[in-house]
PDB file of all heavy atoms in Angstrom:
ATOM      1  N   VAL A   1      43.575 -52.431  17.695  1.00  0.00           N
ATOM      2  CA  VAL A   1      43.776 -53.771  18.066  1.00  0.00           C
ATOM      3  C   VAL A   1      44.993 -54.418  17.364  1.00  0.00           C
ATOM      4  O   VAL A   1      45.214 -53.938  16.220  1.00  0.00           O
ATOM      5  CB  VAL A   1      42.560 -54.589  17.837  1.00  0.00           C
ATOM      6  CG1 VAL A   1      42.027 -54.503  16.379  1.00  0.00           C
ATOM      7  CG2 VAL A   1      42.521 -55.996  18.281  1.00  0.00           C
ATOM      8  N   ILE A   2      45.722 -55.329  17.982  1.00  0.00           N
ATOM      9  CA  ILE A   2      46.703 -56.058  17.237  1.00  0.00           C
ATOM     10  C   ILE A   2      46.428 -57.519  17.204  1.00  0.00           C
ATOM     11  O   ILE A   2      46.098 -58.106  18.213  1.00  0.00           O
ATOM     12  CB  ILE A   2      48.077 -55.819  17.801  1.00  0.00           C
ATOM     13  CG1 ILE A   2      48.499 -54.333  17.863  1.00  0.00           C
ATOM     14  CG2 ILE A   2      49.189 -56.637  17.066  1.00  0.00           C
ATOM     15  CD1 ILE A   2      49.889 -54.078  18.348  1.00  0.00           C
ATOM     16  N   LEU A   3      46.518 -58.075  16.006  1.00  0.00           N
ATOM     17  CA  LEU A   3      46.241 -59.495  15.807  1.00  0.00           C
ATOM     18  C   LEU A   3      47.679 -60.237  15.773  1.00  0.00           C
ATOM     19  O   LEU A   3      48.578 -59.713  14.980  1.00  0.00           O
ATOM     20  CB  LEU A   3      45.548 -59.843  14.527  1.00  0.00           C
ATOM     21  CG  LEU A   3      44.349 -59.000  14.258  1.00  0.00           C
ATOM     22  CD1 LEU A   3      43.723 -59.220  12.817  1.00  0.00           C
ATOM     23  CD2 LEU A   3      43.274 -59.254  15.264  1.00  0.00           C
ATOM     24  N   PHE A   4      47.853 -61.218  16.527  1.00  0.00           N
ATOM     25  CA  PHE A   4      49.140 -61.969  16.531  1.00  0.00           C
ATOM     26  C   PHE A   4      48.828 -63.410  16.034  1.00  0.00           C
ATOM     27  O   PHE A   4      48.086 -64.134  16.722  1.00  0.00           O
ATOM     28  CB  PHE A   4      49.707 -62.048  17.931  1.00  0.00           C
ATOM     29  CG  PHE A   4      50.140 -60.735  18.583  1.00  0.00           C
ATOM     30  CD1 PHE A   4      49.253 -59.880  19.137  1.00  0.00           C
ATOM     31  CD2 PHE A   4      51.472 -60.422  18.470  1.00  0.00           C
ATOM     32  CE1 PHE A   4      49.648 -58.759  19.800  1.00  0.00           C
ATOM     33  CE2 PHE A   4      51.938 -59.151  19.008  1.00  0.00           C
ATOM     34  CZ  PHE A   4      51.035 -58.371  19.649  1.00  0.00           C
ATOM     35  N   ASP A   5      49.315 -63.749  14.914  1.00  0.00           N
ATOM     36  CA  ASP A   5      49.099 -65.111  14.357  1.00  0.00           C
ATOM     37  C   ASP A   5      50.340 -66.024  14.570  1.00  0.00           C
ATOM     38  O   ASP A   5      51.289 -65.938  13.763  1.00  0.00           O
ATOM     39  CB  ASP A   5      48.829 -64.945  12.809  1.00  0.00           C
ATOM     40  CG  ASP A   5      48.498 -66.349  12.257  1.00  0.00           C
ATOM     41  OD1 ASP A   5      48.192 -67.267  12.911  1.00  0.00           O
ATOM     42  OD2 ASP A   5      48.366 -66.453  10.908  1.00  0.00           O
ATOM     43  N   GLU A   6      50.278 -66.782  15.673  1.00  0.00           N
ATOM     44  CA  GLU A   6      51.392 -67.698  16.085  1.00  0.00           C
ATOM     45  C   GLU A   6      52.697 -66.926  16.029  1.00  0.00           C
ATOM     46  O   GLU A   6      53.607 -67.416  15.298  1.00  0.00           O
ATOM     47  CB  GLU A   6      51.333 -68.899  15.176  1.00  0.00           C
ATOM     48  CG  GLU A   6      50.032 -69.614  15.247  1.00  0.00           C
ATOM     49  CD  GLU A   6      50.134 -71.110  15.036  1.00  0.00           C
ATOM     50  OE1 GLU A   6      51.188 -71.632  14.928  1.00  0.00           O
ATOM     51  OE2 GLU A   6      49.024 -71.748  14.958  1.00  0.00           O
ATOM     52  N   PRO A   7      52.906 -65.825  16.797  1.00  0.00           N
ATOM     53  CA  PRO A   7      54.081 -65.028  16.666  1.00  0.00           C
ATOM     54  C   PRO A   7      55.334 -65.648  17.162  1.00  0.00           C
ATOM     55  O   PRO A   7      56.405 -65.086  16.804  1.00  0.00           O
ATOM     56  CB  PRO A   7      53.747 -63.781  17.495  1.00  0.00           C
ATOM     57  CG  PRO A   7      52.715 -64.251  18.516  1.00  0.00           C
ATOM     58  CD  PRO A   7      51.963 -65.364  17.770  1.00  0.00           C
ATOM     59  N   THR A   8      55.267 -66.703  17.854  1.00  0.00           N
ATOM     60  CA  THR A   8      56.540 -67.423  18.329  1.00  0.00           C
ATOM     61  C   THR A   8      56.815 -68.751  17.675  1.00  0.00           C
ATOM     62  O   THR A   8      57.867 -69.331  18.090  1.00  0.00           O
ATOM     63  CB  THR A   8      56.456 -67.557  19.888  1.00  0.00           C
ATOM     64  OG1 THR A   8      55.308 -68.388  20.214  1.00  0.00           O
ATOM     65  CG2 THR A   8      56.270 -66.239  20.625  1.00  0.00           C
ATOM     66  N   SER A   9      55.957 -69.208  16.824  1.00  0.00           N
ATOM     67  CA  SER A   9      56.109 -70.613  16.394  1.00  0.00           C
ATOM     68  C   SER A   9      57.254 -70.790  15.374  1.00  0.00           C
ATOM     69  O   SER A   9      57.760 -71.955  15.347  1.00  0.00           O
ATOM     70  CB  SER A   9      54.822 -71.101  15.691  1.00  0.00           C
ATOM     71  OG  SER A   9      54.440 -70.320  14.628  1.00  0.00           O
ATOM     72  N   ALA A  10      57.839 -69.612  14.868  1.00  0.00           N
ATOM     73  CA  ALA A  10      58.968 -69.796  13.955  1.00  0.00           C
ATOM     74  C   ALA A  10      60.317 -69.542  14.707  1.00  0.00           C
ATOM     75  O   ALA A  10      61.299 -69.593  14.163  1.00  0.00           O
ATOM     76  CB  ALA A  10      58.748 -68.858  12.793  1.00  0.00           C
ATOM     77  N   LEU A  11      60.197 -69.365  16.058  1.00  0.00           N
ATOM     78  CA  LEU A  11      61.352 -68.965  16.803  1.00  0.00           C
ATOM     79  C   LEU A  11      62.087 -70.129  17.461  1.00  0.00           C
ATOM     80  O   LEU A  11      61.381 -71.077  17.900  1.00  0.00           O
ATOM     81  CB  LEU A  11      61.069 -67.957  17.867  1.00  0.00           C
ATOM     82  CG  LEU A  11      60.390 -66.588  17.370  1.00  0.00           C
ATOM     83  CD1 LEU A  11      60.030 -65.728  18.469  1.00  0.00           C
ATOM     84  CD2 LEU A  11      61.288 -65.952  16.454  1.00  0.00           C
ATOM     85  N   ASP A  12      63.338 -70.041  17.687  1.00  0.00           N
ATOM     86  CA  ASP A  12      64.114 -71.001  18.529  1.00  0.00           C
ATOM     87  C   ASP A  12      63.579 -70.784  19.941  1.00  0.00           C
ATOM     88  O   ASP A  12      63.223 -69.612  20.332  1.00  0.00           O
ATOM     89  CB  ASP A  12      65.554 -70.717  18.506  1.00  0.00           C
ATOM     90  CG  ASP A  12      66.200 -70.999  17.133  1.00  0.00           C
ATOM     91  OD1 ASP A  12      65.640 -71.916  16.499  1.00  0.00           O
ATOM     92  OD2 ASP A  12      67.185 -70.456  16.750  1.00  0.00           O
ATOM     93  N   PRO A  13      63.579 -71.832  20.834  1.00  0.00           N
ATOM     94  CA  PRO A  13      62.993 -71.730  22.157  1.00  0.00           C
ATOM     95  C   PRO A  13      63.524 -70.648  22.998  1.00  0.00           C
ATOM     96  O   PRO A  13      62.771 -69.950  23.723  1.00  0.00           O
ATOM     97  CB  PRO A  13      63.300 -73.135  22.738  1.00  0.00           C
ATOM     98  CG  PRO A  13      63.415 -73.947  21.591  1.00  0.00           C
ATOM     99  CD  PRO A  13      64.004 -73.220  20.408  1.00  0.00           C
ATOM    100  N   GLU A  14      64.794 -70.272  22.874  1.00  0.00           N
ATOM    101  CA  GLU A  14      65.363 -69.284  23.781  1.00  0.00           C
ATOM    102  C   GLU A  14      64.866 -67.859  23.329  1.00  0.00           C
ATOM    103  O   GLU A  14      64.999 -66.964  24.086  1.00  0.00           O
ATOM    104  CB  GLU A  14      66.870 -69.320  23.829  1.00  0.00           C
ATOM    105  CG  GLU A  14      67.577 -68.954  22.558  1.00  0.00           C
ATOM    106  CD  GLU A  14      67.857 -70.189  21.671  1.00  0.00           C
ATOM    107  OE1 GLU A  14      67.201 -71.206  21.830  1.00  0.00           O
ATOM    108  OE2 GLU A  14      68.872 -70.105  20.754  1.00  0.00           O
ATOM    109  N   MET A  15      64.447 -67.754  22.077  1.00  0.00           N
ATOM    110  CA  MET A  15      63.892 -66.482  21.639  1.00  0.00           C
ATOM    111  C   MET A  15      62.401 -66.224  21.953  1.00  0.00           C
ATOM    112  O   MET A  15      61.918 -65.052  21.856  1.00  0.00           O
ATOM    113  CB  MET A  15      64.189 -66.291  20.121  1.00  0.00           C
ATOM    114  CG  MET A  15      65.623 -66.211  19.743  1.00  0.00           C
ATOM    115  SD  MET A  15      65.735 -66.250  17.961  1.00  0.00           S
ATOM    116  CE  MET A  15      67.525 -66.516  17.814  1.00  0.00           C
ATOM    117  N   VAL A  16      61.711 -67.282  22.330  1.00  0.00           N
ATOM    118  CA  VAL A  16      60.242 -67.188  22.506  1.00  0.00           C
ATOM    119  C   VAL A  16      59.958 -66.094  23.612  1.00  0.00           C
ATOM    120  O   VAL A  16      59.082 -65.328  23.436  1.00  0.00           O
ATOM    121  CB  VAL A  16      59.614 -68.535  22.811  1.00  0.00           C
ATOM    122  CG1 VAL A  16      58.246 -68.384  23.328  1.00  0.00           C
ATOM    123  CG2 VAL A  16      59.748 -69.443  21.610  1.00  0.00           C
ATOM    124  N   ASN A  17      60.727 -66.219  24.728  1.00  0.00           N
ATOM    125  CA  ASN A  17      60.293 -65.399  25.825  1.00  0.00           C
ATOM    126  C   ASN A  17      60.575 -63.974  25.705  1.00  0.00           C
ATOM    127  O   ASN A  17      59.704 -63.108  26.170  1.00  0.00           O
ATOM    128  CB  ASN A  17      61.177 -65.899  27.106  1.00  0.00           C
ATOM    129  CG  ASN A  17      60.513 -67.115  27.751  1.00  0.00           C
ATOM    130  OD1 ASN A  17      59.378 -67.447  27.486  1.00  0.00           O
ATOM    131  ND2 ASN A  17      61.290 -67.863  28.596  1.00  0.00           N
ATOM    132  N   GLU A  18      61.533 -63.644  24.872  1.00  0.00           N
ATOM    133  CA  GLU A  18      61.726 -62.227  24.655  1.00  0.00           C
ATOM    134  C   GLU A  18      60.636 -61.628  23.820  1.00  0.00           C
ATOM    135  O   GLU A  18      60.327 -60.337  24.036  1.00  0.00           O
ATOM    136  CB  GLU A  18      63.073 -61.997  23.872  1.00  0.00           C
ATOM    137  CG  GLU A  18      63.264 -62.517  22.610  1.00  0.00           C
ATOM    138  CD  GLU A  18      64.679 -62.503  22.037  1.00  0.00           C
ATOM    139  OE1 GLU A  18      65.610 -62.995  22.714  1.00  0.00           O
ATOM    140  OE2 GLU A  18      64.868 -61.930  20.902  1.00  0.00           O
ATOM    141  N   VAL A  19      59.977 -62.363  22.986  1.00  0.00           N
ATOM    142  CA  VAL A  19      58.739 -61.843  22.261  1.00  0.00           C
ATOM    143  C   VAL A  19      57.538 -61.872  23.218  1.00  0.00           C
ATOM    144  O   VAL A  19      56.807 -60.827  23.254  1.00  0.00           O
ATOM    145  CB  VAL A  19      58.552 -62.650  20.961  1.00  0.00           C
ATOM    146  CG1 VAL A  19      57.144 -62.321  20.354  1.00  0.00           C
ATOM    147  CG2 VAL A  19      59.682 -62.469  20.024  1.00  0.00           C
ATOM    148  N   LEU A  20      57.372 -62.962  23.970  1.00  0.00           N
ATOM    149  CA  LEU A  20      56.323 -63.034  24.873  1.00  0.00           C
ATOM    150  C   LEU A  20      56.309 -61.945  25.922  1.00  0.00           C
ATOM    151  O   LEU A  20      55.273 -61.395  26.347  1.00  0.00           O
ATOM    152  CB  LEU A  20      56.198 -64.395  25.533  1.00  0.00           C
ATOM    153  CG  LEU A  20      55.901 -65.581  24.600  1.00  0.00           C
ATOM    154  CD1 LEU A  20      55.746 -66.854  25.466  1.00  0.00           C
ATOM    155  CD2 LEU A  20      54.517 -65.391  23.920  1.00  0.00           C
ATOM    156  N   ASP A  21      57.560 -61.552  26.388  1.00  0.00           N
ATOM    157  CA  ASP A  21      57.692 -60.506  27.335  1.00  0.00           C
ATOM    158  C   ASP A  21      57.171 -59.113  26.808  1.00  0.00           C
ATOM    159  O   ASP A  21      56.561 -58.373  27.517  1.00  0.00           O
ATOM    160  CB  ASP A  21      59.232 -60.293  27.779  1.00  0.00           C
ATOM    161  CG  ASP A  21      59.622 -61.456  28.690  1.00  0.00           C
ATOM    162  OD1 ASP A  21      58.775 -62.211  29.193  1.00  0.00           O
ATOM    163  OD2 ASP A  21      60.827 -61.601  28.840  1.00  0.00           O
ATOM    164  N   VAL A  22      57.486 -58.969  25.528  1.00  0.00           N
ATOM    165  CA  VAL A  22      56.940 -57.731  24.953  1.00  0.00           C
ATOM    166  C   VAL A  22      55.461 -57.666  24.789  1.00  0.00           C
ATOM    167  O   VAL A  22      54.808 -56.748  25.153  1.00  0.00           O
ATOM    168  CB  VAL A  22      57.559 -57.458  23.441  1.00  0.00           C
ATOM    169  CG1 VAL A  22      56.861 -56.297  22.762  1.00  0.00           C
ATOM    170  CG2 VAL A  22      59.076 -57.204  23.622  1.00  0.00           C
ATOM    171  N   MET A  23      54.951 -58.834  24.467  1.00  0.00           N
ATOM    172  CA  MET A  23      53.424 -58.868  24.332  1.00  0.00           C
ATOM    173  C   MET A  23      52.758 -58.813  25.688  1.00  0.00           C
ATOM    174  O   MET A  23      51.706 -58.194  25.866  1.00  0.00           O
ATOM    175  CB  MET A  23      53.103 -60.358  23.699  1.00  0.00           C
ATOM    176  CG  MET A  23      53.558 -60.413  22.238  1.00  0.00           C
ATOM    177  SD  MET A  23      53.393 -62.136  21.551  1.00  0.00           S
ATOM    178  CE  MET A  23      51.681 -62.409  21.677  1.00  0.00           C
ATOM    179  N   THR A  24      53.428 -59.423  26.728  1.00  0.00           N
ATOM    180  CA  THR A  24      52.898 -59.297  28.115  1.00  0.00           C
ATOM    181  C   THR A  24      52.881 -57.795  28.548  1.00  0.00           C
ATOM    182  O   THR A  24      51.872 -57.320  29.182  1.00  0.00           O
ATOM    183  CB  THR A  24      53.733 -60.074  29.096  1.00  0.00           C
ATOM    184  OG1 THR A  24      53.675 -61.409  28.681  1.00  0.00           O
ATOM    185  CG2 THR A  24      53.212 -60.054  30.501  1.00  0.00           C
ATOM    186  N   SER A  25      53.912 -57.092  28.168  1.00  0.00           N
ATOM    187  CA  SER A  25      54.041 -55.680  28.443  1.00  0.00           C
ATOM    188  C   SER A  25      52.886 -54.819  27.833  1.00  0.00           C
ATOM    189  O   SER A  25      52.256 -53.988  28.375  1.00  0.00           O
ATOM    190  CB  SER A  25      55.360 -55.105  28.197  1.00  0.00           C
ATOM    191  OG  SER A  25      55.419 -53.684  28.068  1.00  0.00           O
ATOM    192  N   LEU A  26      52.648 -55.221  26.545  1.00  0.00           N
ATOM    193  CA  LEU A  26      51.542 -54.549  25.780  1.00  0.00           C
ATOM    194  C   LEU A  26      50.215 -54.802  26.456  1.00  0.00           C
ATOM    195  O   LEU A  26      49.366 -53.903  26.579  1.00  0.00           O
ATOM    196  CB  LEU A  26      51.545 -55.023  24.351  1.00  0.00           C
ATOM    197  CG  LEU A  26      52.595 -54.573  23.372  1.00  0.00           C
ATOM    198  CD1 LEU A  26      52.387 -55.261  22.036  1.00  0.00           C
ATOM    199  CD2 LEU A  26      52.672 -53.179  23.224  1.00  0.00           C
ATOM    200  N   ALA A  27      49.992 -56.071  26.834  1.00  0.00           N
ATOM    201  CA  ALA A  27      48.706 -56.346  27.528  1.00  0.00           C
ATOM    202  C   ALA A  27      48.513 -55.609  28.773  1.00  0.00           C
ATOM    203  O   ALA A  27      47.446 -55.108  28.992  1.00  0.00           O
ATOM    204  CB  ALA A  27      48.756 -57.877  27.800  1.00  0.00           C
ATOM    205  N   SER A  28      49.638 -55.443  29.531  1.00  0.00           N
ATOM    206  CA  SER A  28      49.549 -54.723  30.876  1.00  0.00           C
ATOM    207  C   SER A  28      49.294 -53.196  30.587  1.00  0.00           C
ATOM    208  O   SER A  28      48.729 -52.586  31.460  1.00  0.00           O
ATOM    209  CB  SER A  28      50.766 -55.031  31.717  1.00  0.00           C
ATOM    210  OG  SER A  28      51.882 -54.371  31.110  1.00  0.00           O
ATOM    211  N   ASP A  29      49.581 -52.674  29.396  1.00  0.00           N
ATOM    212  CA  ASP A  29      49.353 -51.401  29.072  1.00  0.00           C
ATOM    213  C   ASP A  29      47.949 -51.129  28.545  1.00  0.00           C
ATOM    214  O   ASP A  29      47.523 -50.052  28.135  1.00  0.00           O
ATOM    215  CB  ASP A  29      50.336 -50.960  28.014  1.00  0.00           C
ATOM    216  CG  ASP A  29      51.739 -50.725  28.597  1.00  0.00           C
ATOM    217  OD1 ASP A  29      51.829 -50.685  29.866  1.00  0.00           O
ATOM    218  OD2 ASP A  29      52.669 -50.547  27.828  1.00  0.00           O
ATOM    219  N   GLY A  30      47.125 -52.288  28.417  1.00  0.00           N
ATOM    220  CA  GLY A  30      45.824 -52.121  27.941  1.00  0.00           C
ATOM    221  C   GLY A  30      45.597 -52.283  26.457  1.00  0.00           C
ATOM    222  O   GLY A  30      44.417 -51.914  25.949  1.00  0.00           O
ATOM    223  N   MET A  31      46.559 -52.818  25.710  1.00  0.00           N
ATOM    224  CA  MET A  31      46.369 -53.013  24.246  1.00  0.00           C
ATOM    225  C   MET A  31      45.341 -54.178  24.009  1.00  0.00           C
ATOM    226  O   MET A  31      45.428 -55.167  24.667  1.00  0.00           O
ATOM    227  CB  MET A  31      47.620 -53.335  23.619  1.00  0.00           C
ATOM    228  CG  MET A  31      47.661 -53.824  22.207  1.00  0.00           C
ATOM    229  SD  MET A  31      46.961 -52.432  21.134  1.00  0.00           S
ATOM    230  CE  MET A  31      48.258 -51.353  20.961  1.00  0.00           C
ATOM    231  N   THR A  32      44.415 -53.915  23.100  1.00  0.00           N
ATOM    232  CA  THR A  32      43.539 -54.961  22.701  1.00  0.00           C
ATOM    233  C   THR A  32      44.148 -55.892  21.839  1.00  0.00           C
ATOM    234  O   THR A  32      44.810 -55.410  20.763  1.00  0.00           O
ATOM    235  CB  THR A  32      42.269 -54.354  21.950  1.00  0.00           C
ATOM    236  OG1 THR A  32      41.792 -53.224  22.711  1.00  0.00           O
ATOM    237  CG2 THR A  32      41.233 -55.390  21.630  1.00  0.00           C
ATOM    238  N   MET A  33      44.257 -57.181  22.177  1.00  0.00           N
ATOM    239  CA  MET A  33      45.023 -58.125  21.424  1.00  0.00           C
ATOM    240  C   MET A  33      44.322 -59.399  21.165  1.00  0.00           C
ATOM    241  O   MET A  33      43.477 -59.912  22.066  1.00  0.00           O
ATOM    242  CB  MET A  33      46.277 -58.542  22.283  1.00  0.00           C
ATOM    243  CG  MET A  33      47.223 -57.381  22.416  1.00  0.00           C
ATOM    244  SD  MET A  33      48.481 -57.546  23.812  1.00  0.00           S
ATOM    245  CE  MET A  33      49.319 -58.946  23.452  1.00  0.00           C
ATOM    246  N   VAL A  34      44.459 -59.968  19.940  1.00  0.00           N
ATOM    247  CA  VAL A  34      43.903 -61.263  19.639  1.00  0.00           C
ATOM    248  C   VAL A  34      45.087 -62.099  19.305  1.00  0.00           C
ATOM    249  O   VAL A  34      45.820 -61.778  18.347  1.00  0.00           O
ATOM    250  CB  VAL A  34      42.953 -61.227  18.424  1.00  0.00           C
ATOM    251  CG1 VAL A  34      42.480 -62.678  18.149  1.00  0.00           C
ATOM    252  CG2 VAL A  34      41.727 -60.308  18.713  1.00  0.00           C
ATOM    253  N   VAL A  35      45.347 -63.219  20.031  1.00  0.00           N
ATOM    254  CA  VAL A  35      46.636 -63.980  19.944  1.00  0.00           C
ATOM    255  C   VAL A  35      46.270 -65.354  19.674  1.00  0.00           C
ATOM    256  O   VAL A  35      45.691 -66.079  20.479  1.00  0.00           O
ATOM    257  CB  VAL A  35      47.350 -63.875  21.232  1.00  0.00           C
ATOM    258  CG1 VAL A  35      48.726 -64.484  21.044  1.00  0.00           C
ATOM    259  CG2 VAL A  35      47.537 -62.437  21.698  1.00  0.00           C
ATOM    260  N   VAL A  36      46.741 -65.837  18.447  1.00  0.00           N
ATOM    261  CA  VAL A  36      46.663 -67.276  18.084  1.00  0.00           C
ATOM    262  C   VAL A  36      48.032 -67.914  18.506  1.00  0.00           C
ATOM    263  O   VAL A  36      49.114 -67.312  18.068  1.00  0.00           O
ATOM    264  CB  VAL A  36      46.442 -67.512  16.615  1.00  0.00           C
ATOM    265  CG1 VAL A  36      46.574 -68.986  16.333  1.00  0.00           C
ATOM    266  CG2 VAL A  36      45.061 -66.986  16.140  1.00  0.00           C
ATOM    267  N   THR A  37      48.029 -68.849  19.448  1.00  0.00           N
ATOM    268  CA  THR A  37      49.326 -69.321  20.004  1.00  0.00           C
ATOM    269  C   THR A  37      49.257 -70.711  20.528  1.00  0.00           C
ATOM    270  O   THR A  37      48.176 -71.251  20.802  1.00  0.00           O
ATOM    271  CB  THR A  37      49.816 -68.385  21.152  1.00  0.00           C
ATOM    272  OG1 THR A  37      51.195 -68.777  21.463  1.00  0.00           O
ATOM    273  CG2 THR A  37      48.907 -68.382  22.301  1.00  0.00           C
ATOM    274  N   HIS A  38      50.453 -71.432  20.577  1.00  0.00           N
ATOM    275  CA  HIS A  38      50.519 -72.661  21.267  1.00  0.00           C
ATOM    276  C   HIS A  38      51.072 -72.466  22.640  1.00  0.00           C
ATOM    277  O   HIS A  38      51.372 -73.438  23.320  1.00  0.00           O
ATOM    278  CB  HIS A  38      51.402 -73.609  20.441  1.00  0.00           C
ATOM    279  CG  HIS A  38      50.870 -73.989  19.195  1.00  0.00           C
ATOM    280  ND1 HIS A  38      49.744 -74.860  18.964  1.00  0.00           N
ATOM    281  CD2 HIS A  38      51.113 -73.602  17.912  1.00  0.00           C
ATOM    282  CE1 HIS A  38      49.526 -74.999  17.724  1.00  0.00           C
ATOM    283  NE2 HIS A  38      50.296 -74.261  17.085  1.00  0.00           N
ATOM    284  N   GLU A  39      51.424 -71.253  23.090  1.00  0.00           N
ATOM    285  CA  GLU A  39      52.114 -70.967  24.334  1.00  0.00           C
ATOM    286  C   GLU A  39      51.057 -70.908  25.526  1.00  0.00           C
ATOM    287  O   GLU A  39      50.468 -69.885  25.743  1.00  0.00           O
ATOM    288  CB  GLU A  39      52.880 -69.694  24.264  1.00  0.00           C
ATOM    289  CG  GLU A  39      53.908 -69.618  23.158  1.00  0.00           C
ATOM    290  CD  GLU A  39      55.026 -70.481  23.533  1.00  0.00           C
ATOM    291  OE1 GLU A  39      55.317 -70.936  24.724  1.00  0.00           O
ATOM    292  OE2 GLU A  39      55.829 -70.954  22.533  1.00  0.00           O
ATOM    293  N   MET A  40      50.915 -72.109  26.121  1.00  0.00           N
ATOM    294  CA  MET A  40      49.805 -72.133  27.047  1.00  0.00           C
ATOM    295  C   MET A  40      50.024 -71.416  28.361  1.00  0.00           C
ATOM    296  O   MET A  40      49.139 -70.880  28.978  1.00  0.00           O
ATOM    297  CB  MET A  40      49.537 -73.693  27.492  1.00  0.00           C
ATOM    298  CG  MET A  40      49.050 -74.507  26.258  1.00  0.00           C
ATOM    299  SD  MET A  40      47.517 -73.912  25.570  1.00  0.00           S
ATOM    300  CE  MET A  40      47.818 -74.295  23.786  1.00  0.00           C
ATOM    301  N   ASN A  41      51.309 -71.323  28.776  1.00  0.00           N
ATOM    302  CA  ASN A  41      51.708 -70.605  29.910  1.00  0.00           C
ATOM    303  C   ASN A  41      51.363 -69.111  29.750  1.00  0.00           C
ATOM    304  O   ASN A  41      50.851 -68.363  30.651  1.00  0.00           O
ATOM    305  CB  ASN A  41      53.060 -70.743  30.342  1.00  0.00           C
ATOM    306  CG  ASN A  41      53.443 -72.143  30.879  1.00  0.00           C
ATOM    307  OD1 ASN A  41      52.523 -72.733  31.398  1.00  0.00           O
ATOM    308  ND2 ASN A  41      54.569 -72.538  30.771  1.00  0.00           N
ATOM    309  N   PHE A  42      51.677 -68.603  28.557  1.00  0.00           N
ATOM    310  CA  PHE A  42      51.328 -67.245  28.189  1.00  0.00           C
ATOM    311  C   PHE A  42      49.817 -67.062  28.235  1.00  0.00           C
ATOM    312  O   PHE A  42      49.297 -66.129  28.816  1.00  0.00           O
ATOM    313  CB  PHE A  42      51.852 -66.877  26.765  1.00  0.00           C
ATOM    314  CG  PHE A  42      51.383 -65.544  26.255  1.00  0.00           C
ATOM    315  CD1 PHE A  42      52.030 -64.344  26.618  1.00  0.00           C
ATOM    316  CD2 PHE A  42      50.287 -65.493  25.463  1.00  0.00           C
ATOM    317  CE1 PHE A  42      51.633 -63.114  26.145  1.00  0.00           C
ATOM    318  CE2 PHE A  42      49.858 -64.303  24.885  1.00  0.00           C
ATOM    319  CZ  PHE A  42      50.417 -63.110  25.298  1.00  0.00           C
ATOM    320  N   ALA A  43      49.085 -67.906  27.626  1.00  0.00           N
ATOM    321  CA  ALA A  43      47.566 -67.896  27.600  1.00  0.00           C
ATOM    322  C   ALA A  43      47.065 -67.787  29.080  1.00  0.00           C
ATOM    323  O   ALA A  43      46.209 -67.001  29.344  1.00  0.00           O
ATOM    324  CB  ALA A  43      47.034 -69.129  26.854  1.00  0.00           C
ATOM    325  N   ARG A  44      47.583 -68.659  29.841  1.00  0.00           N
ATOM    326  CA  ARG A  44      47.074 -68.682  31.242  1.00  0.00           C
ATOM    327  C   ARG A  44      47.392 -67.377  31.933  1.00  0.00           C
ATOM    328  O   ARG A  44      46.576 -66.861  32.865  1.00  0.00           O
ATOM    329  CB  ARG A  44      47.672 -69.909  31.937  1.00  0.00           C
ATOM    330  CG  ARG A  44      47.178 -69.981  33.386  1.00  0.00           C
ATOM    331  CD  ARG A  44      47.192 -71.492  33.885  1.00  0.00           C
ATOM    332  NE  ARG A  44      46.224 -71.654  35.017  1.00  0.00           N
ATOM    333  CZ  ARG A  44      45.792 -72.757  35.447  1.00  0.00           C
ATOM    334  NH1 ARG A  44      46.055 -73.887  34.761  1.00  0.00           N
ATOM    335  NH2 ARG A  44      45.006 -72.768  36.389  1.00  0.00           N
TER     336      ARG A  44
END
């Protein structure tokens, strides 16, 4: 399992998506993830 503790909150806005894209790819591969985040679109 991977824990993500607000992984994008220290990033400039244009860098957020490049990290969320990697996380989305991990999720689609079946990785167990616990994600603390303010990114509501990602959550949804």
